[in-house]
Amino acid sequence: MKKPETAFKEWFVARLETIPKIWVEKIQQVAIRGTPDLIVCLRGIFIAIELKIGDEEPDDLQAYKLNAIKRAGGVTYVVRPTNAEEVLRNLRKGVLL
C-alpha cells in the first residue's frame, strides 16, 4: 500500500500533466534537502511546488528555497489535499499567485 504522501503526489502530478503547455519534473533528492517536490514550467513561467499532507508546513530549508525562487521571479505553491483543486484551477486559467 502506498504512503499517503506518494498517493497524493501521483494524483496531483497526473492532473498537472493534463494542463496544456506544461512541463513537470518530480524531484526526489536524497542527498540534497529542501528542494521543492515539483519543478514546473507553465507557458514559460517557472513554478516550484512543495507538496504537504495535512497541516504540515515547509521546514526552514524548504521555506528558504521557496523564498529564493520567489525573489528570483519564480512562482511557488505549497499544495495540500485541501487546496489542490483550487491550485489546479488557477494553473489551468493561468492565474499564478
N, C-alpha and C. Protein backbone atom coordinates (compact mmCIF):
# COMPACT_ATOMS: atom_id res chain seq x y z
N MET A 1 0.84 -1.19 0.00
CA MET A 1 0.00 0.00 0.00
C MET A 1 0.88 1.26 0.00
N LYS A 2 0.51 2.22 -0.81
CA LYS A 2 1.28 3.45 -0.93
C LYS A 2 1.09 4.33 0.30
N LYS A 3 2.16 5.08 0.60
CA LYS A 3 2.06 6.07 1.66
C LYS A 3 1.14 7.19 1.17
N PRO A 4 0.44 7.86 2.09
CA PRO A 4 -0.46 8.95 1.68
C PRO A 4 0.26 10.04 0.87
N GLU A 5 1.50 10.34 1.23
CA GLU A 5 2.26 11.37 0.50
C GLU A 5 2.50 10.95 -0.95
N THR A 6 2.82 9.69 -1.15
CA THR A 6 3.08 9.18 -2.50
C THR A 6 1.80 9.19 -3.34
N ALA A 7 0.71 8.74 -2.74
CA ALA A 7 -0.57 8.71 -3.45
C ALA A 7 -1.01 10.13 -3.84
N PHE A 8 -0.83 11.09 -2.94
CA PHE A 8 -1.20 12.47 -3.23
C PHE A 8 -0.33 13.04 -4.35
N LYS A 9 0.97 12.78 -4.29
CA LYS A 9 1.88 13.27 -5.32
C LYS A 9 1.49 12.71 -6.69
N GLU A 10 1.22 11.42 -6.76
CA GLU A 10 0.84 10.81 -8.04
C GLU A 10 -0.47 11.39 -8.56
N TRP A 11 -1.44 11.57 -7.67
CA TRP A 11 -2.73 12.15 -8.05
C TRP A 11 -2.54 13.57 -8.59
N PHE A 12 -1.77 14.38 -7.88
CA PHE A 12 -1.59 15.78 -8.26
C PHE A 12 -0.82 15.90 -9.58
N VAL A 13 0.25 15.14 -9.72
CA VAL A 13 1.05 15.20 -10.95
C VAL A 13 0.22 14.77 -12.16
N ALA A 14 -0.58 13.73 -12.01
CA ALA A 14 -1.42 13.27 -13.12
C ALA A 14 -2.35 14.38 -13.58
N ARG A 15 -2.88 15.15 -12.67
CA ARG A 15 -3.77 16.25 -13.05
C ARG A 15 -2.99 17.44 -13.62
N LEU A 16 -1.83 17.72 -13.05
CA LEU A 16 -0.99 18.79 -13.60
C LEU A 16 -0.67 18.53 -15.07
N GLU A 17 -0.34 17.29 -15.37
CA GLU A 17 0.09 16.95 -16.73
C GLU A 17 -1.02 17.05 -17.77
N THR A 18 -2.26 17.27 -17.34
CA THR A 18 -3.35 17.48 -18.30
C THR A 18 -3.47 18.94 -18.72
N ILE A 19 -2.73 19.81 -18.08
CA ILE A 19 -2.79 21.24 -18.41
C ILE A 19 -1.94 21.48 -19.66
N PRO A 20 -2.50 22.17 -20.66
CA PRO A 20 -1.72 22.46 -21.87
C PRO A 20 -0.49 23.31 -21.58
N LYS A 21 0.56 23.10 -22.35
CA LYS A 21 1.81 23.87 -22.29
C LYS A 21 2.46 23.82 -20.91
N ILE A 22 2.49 22.62 -20.33
CA ILE A 22 3.12 22.45 -19.03
C ILE A 22 4.20 21.38 -19.12
N TRP A 23 5.25 21.58 -18.33
CA TRP A 23 6.30 20.58 -18.17
C TRP A 23 6.47 20.37 -16.67
N VAL A 24 6.49 19.12 -16.24
CA VAL A 24 6.57 18.79 -14.81
C VAL A 24 7.73 17.83 -14.58
N GLU A 25 8.54 18.15 -13.59
CA GLU A 25 9.63 17.28 -13.18
C GLU A 25 9.46 16.96 -11.69
N LYS A 26 9.36 15.68 -11.39
CA LYS A 26 9.27 15.24 -9.99
C LYS A 26 10.69 15.15 -9.44
N ILE A 27 10.91 15.80 -8.32
CA ILE A 27 12.23 15.84 -7.72
C ILE A 27 12.26 14.86 -6.55
N GLN A 28 13.27 14.00 -6.54
CA GLN A 28 13.44 13.06 -5.44
C GLN A 28 14.89 13.12 -4.99
N GLN A 29 15.22 14.18 -4.32
CA GLN A 29 16.58 14.38 -3.84
C GLN A 29 16.77 13.61 -2.54
N VAL A 30 17.78 12.82 -2.49
CA VAL A 30 18.10 12.11 -1.25
C VAL A 30 19.23 12.83 -0.52
N ALA A 31 20.23 13.25 -1.27
CA ALA A 31 21.40 13.88 -0.66
C ALA A 31 21.23 15.38 -0.45
N ILE A 32 20.35 16.02 -1.21
CA ILE A 32 20.17 17.46 -1.12
C ILE A 32 18.79 17.74 -0.55
N ARG A 33 18.75 18.35 0.62
CA ARG A 33 17.47 18.64 1.27
C ARG A 33 16.92 19.99 0.82
N GLY A 34 15.61 20.14 0.97
CA GLY A 34 14.98 21.43 0.76
C GLY A 34 14.48 21.71 -0.63
N THR A 35 14.86 20.91 -1.61
CA THR A 35 14.41 21.14 -2.99
C THR A 35 12.91 20.87 -3.08
N PRO A 36 12.15 21.75 -3.74
CA PRO A 36 10.70 21.52 -3.86
C PRO A 36 10.40 20.19 -4.54
N ASP A 37 9.24 19.63 -4.23
CA ASP A 37 8.85 18.32 -4.76
C ASP A 37 8.67 18.32 -6.27
N LEU A 38 8.17 19.42 -6.81
CA LEU A 38 7.90 19.50 -8.25
C LEU A 38 8.48 20.79 -8.81
N ILE A 39 9.15 20.67 -9.94
CA ILE A 39 9.61 21.83 -10.70
C ILE A 39 8.77 21.84 -11.97
N VAL A 40 8.14 22.97 -12.24
CA VAL A 40 7.17 23.08 -13.33
C VAL A 40 7.50 24.29 -14.19
N CYS A 41 7.28 24.14 -15.48
CA CYS A 41 7.30 25.28 -16.38
C CYS A 41 5.93 25.31 -17.05
N LEU A 42 5.21 26.40 -16.87
CA LEU A 42 3.88 26.56 -17.45
C LEU A 42 3.88 27.82 -18.31
N ARG A 43 3.79 27.61 -19.61
CA ARG A 43 3.78 28.72 -20.56
C ARG A 43 4.95 29.67 -20.33
N GLY A 44 6.12 29.11 -20.04
CA GLY A 44 7.32 29.91 -19.87
C GLY A 44 7.56 30.43 -18.46
N ILE A 45 6.68 30.13 -17.54
CA ILE A 45 6.82 30.60 -16.16
C ILE A 45 7.37 29.46 -15.30
N PHE A 46 8.39 29.76 -14.49
CA PHE A 46 8.99 28.79 -13.59
C PHE A 46 8.15 28.71 -12.32
N ILE A 47 7.76 27.49 -11.95
CA ILE A 47 6.92 27.26 -10.76
C ILE A 47 7.55 26.14 -9.94
N ALA A 48 7.65 26.37 -8.64
CA ALA A 48 8.13 25.34 -7.71
C ALA A 48 6.96 24.98 -6.78
N ILE A 49 6.74 23.68 -6.60
CA ILE A 49 5.62 23.22 -5.79
C ILE A 49 6.12 22.28 -4.70
N GLU A 50 5.78 22.61 -3.48
CA GLU A 50 6.05 21.74 -2.34
C GLU A 50 4.73 21.10 -1.94
N LEU A 51 4.72 19.78 -1.88
CA LEU A 51 3.50 19.05 -1.52
C LEU A 51 3.55 18.68 -0.04
N LYS A 52 2.45 18.90 0.65
CA LYS A 52 2.35 18.58 2.07
C LYS A 52 1.02 17.89 2.34
N ILE A 53 1.04 17.03 3.32
CA ILE A 53 -0.19 16.36 3.77
C ILE A 53 -0.60 17.01 5.09
N GLY A 54 -1.88 17.28 5.24
CA GLY A 54 -2.37 17.86 6.50
C GLY A 54 -1.88 19.28 6.69
N ASP A 55 -1.62 19.63 7.95
CA ASP A 55 -1.23 21.00 8.30
C ASP A 55 0.27 21.22 8.34
N GLU A 56 1.04 20.22 7.94
CA GLU A 56 2.50 20.32 7.97
C GLU A 56 2.96 21.52 7.13
N GLU A 57 3.90 22.26 7.67
CA GLU A 57 4.47 23.41 6.97
C GLU A 57 5.83 23.03 6.39
N PRO A 58 6.28 23.74 5.37
CA PRO A 58 7.64 23.51 4.88
C PRO A 58 8.64 23.73 6.00
N ASP A 59 9.69 22.91 6.03
CA ASP A 59 10.72 23.12 7.06
C ASP A 59 11.52 24.37 6.68
N ASP A 60 12.45 24.76 7.55
CA ASP A 60 13.18 26.01 7.35
C ASP A 60 13.93 26.05 6.02
N LEU A 61 14.57 24.96 5.65
CA LEU A 61 15.32 24.93 4.39
C LEU A 61 14.39 24.98 3.18
N GLN A 62 13.27 24.25 3.25
CA GLN A 62 12.29 24.31 2.16
C GLN A 62 11.74 25.73 2.02
N ALA A 63 11.41 26.37 3.13
CA ALA A 63 10.89 27.74 3.09
C ALA A 63 11.93 28.69 2.52
N TYR A 64 13.19 28.51 2.90
CA TYR A 64 14.27 29.35 2.38
C TYR A 64 14.35 29.23 0.86
N LYS A 65 14.33 27.98 0.35
CA LYS A 65 14.44 27.78 -1.10
C LYS A 65 13.22 28.30 -1.84
N LEU A 66 12.03 28.12 -1.28
CA LEU A 66 10.82 28.66 -1.91
C LEU A 66 10.90 30.19 -1.98
N ASN A 67 11.37 30.82 -0.91
CA ASN A 67 11.52 32.29 -0.92
C ASN A 67 12.59 32.75 -1.90
N ALA A 68 13.67 31.99 -2.03
CA ALA A 68 14.71 32.34 -3.01
C ALA A 68 14.16 32.27 -4.43
N ILE A 69 13.33 31.28 -4.70
CA ILE A 69 12.71 31.16 -6.02
C ILE A 69 11.79 32.36 -6.28
N LYS A 70 11.00 32.75 -5.28
CA LYS A 70 10.14 33.94 -5.42
C LYS A 70 10.97 35.19 -5.69
N ARG A 71 12.05 35.36 -4.94
CA ARG A 71 12.90 36.55 -5.12
C ARG A 71 13.50 36.59 -6.52
N ALA A 72 13.70 35.42 -7.13
CA ALA A 72 14.26 35.35 -8.48
C ALA A 72 13.19 35.50 -9.56
N GLY A 73 11.94 35.69 -9.16
CA GLY A 73 10.87 35.90 -10.12
C GLY A 73 10.03 34.68 -10.42
N GLY A 74 10.30 33.56 -9.75
CA GLY A 74 9.50 32.35 -9.93
C GLY A 74 8.24 32.40 -9.10
N VAL A 75 7.40 31.42 -9.32
CA VAL A 75 6.14 31.29 -8.59
C VAL A 75 6.24 30.04 -7.73
N THR A 76 5.74 30.12 -6.50
CA THR A 76 5.80 28.95 -5.62
C THR A 76 4.43 28.67 -5.01
N TYR A 77 4.22 27.39 -4.75
CA TYR A 77 3.00 26.95 -4.08
C TYR A 77 3.35 25.89 -3.05
N VAL A 78 2.63 25.91 -1.94
CA VAL A 78 2.60 24.78 -1.02
C VAL A 78 1.21 24.18 -1.21
N VAL A 79 1.17 22.96 -1.71
CA VAL A 79 -0.10 22.33 -2.08
C VAL A 79 -0.40 21.19 -1.13
N ARG A 80 -1.63 21.21 -0.63
CA ARG A 80 -2.15 20.16 0.25
C ARG A 80 -3.42 19.60 -0.38
N PRO A 81 -3.89 18.47 0.09
CA PRO A 81 -5.18 17.97 -0.42
C PRO A 81 -6.30 18.99 -0.30
N THR A 82 -6.23 19.85 0.70
CA THR A 82 -7.30 20.83 0.93
C THR A 82 -7.31 21.98 -0.08
N ASN A 83 -6.16 22.29 -0.71
CA ASN A 83 -6.14 23.39 -1.68
C ASN A 83 -5.72 22.95 -3.09
N ALA A 84 -5.54 21.65 -3.27
CA ALA A 84 -5.04 21.13 -4.55
C ALA A 84 -5.95 21.48 -5.72
N GLU A 85 -7.24 21.28 -5.58
CA GLU A 85 -8.17 21.57 -6.69
C GLU A 85 -8.14 23.05 -7.05
N GLU A 86 -8.06 23.91 -6.04
CA GLU A 86 -8.01 25.35 -6.29
C GLU A 86 -6.73 25.73 -7.05
N VAL A 87 -5.60 25.15 -6.64
CA VAL A 87 -4.33 25.42 -7.33
C VAL A 87 -4.42 24.94 -8.77
N LEU A 88 -4.95 23.75 -8.98
CA LEU A 88 -5.08 23.24 -10.35
C LEU A 88 -5.98 24.13 -11.20
N ARG A 89 -7.09 24.59 -10.65
CA ARG A 89 -7.98 25.51 -11.39
C ARG A 89 -7.23 26.78 -11.78
N ASN A 90 -6.51 27.34 -10.81
CA ASN A 90 -5.77 28.58 -11.09
C ASN A 90 -4.70 28.37 -12.16
N LEU A 91 -3.98 27.26 -12.09
CA LEU A 91 -2.95 26.99 -13.09
C LEU A 91 -3.58 26.81 -14.48
N ARG A 92 -4.72 26.14 -14.54
CA ARG A 92 -5.40 25.97 -15.85
C ARG A 92 -5.79 27.32 -16.43
N LYS A 93 -6.23 28.25 -15.57
CA LYS A 93 -6.64 29.58 -16.01
C LYS A 93 -5.47 30.51 -16.26
N GLY A 94 -4.27 30.09 -15.81
CA GLY A 94 -3.11 30.97 -15.93
C GLY A 94 -3.01 31.98 -14.82
N VAL A 95 -3.76 31.76 -13.73
CA VAL A 95 -3.71 32.65 -12.58
C VAL A 95 -2.57 32.15 -11.69
N LEU A 96 -1.48 32.90 -11.66
CA LEU A 96 -0.31 32.49 -10.89
C LEU A 96 -0.18 33.40 -9.69
N LEU A 97 -0.23 32.83 -8.52
CA LEU A 97 -0.17 33.63 -7.28
C LEU A 97 1.23 33.66 -6.73
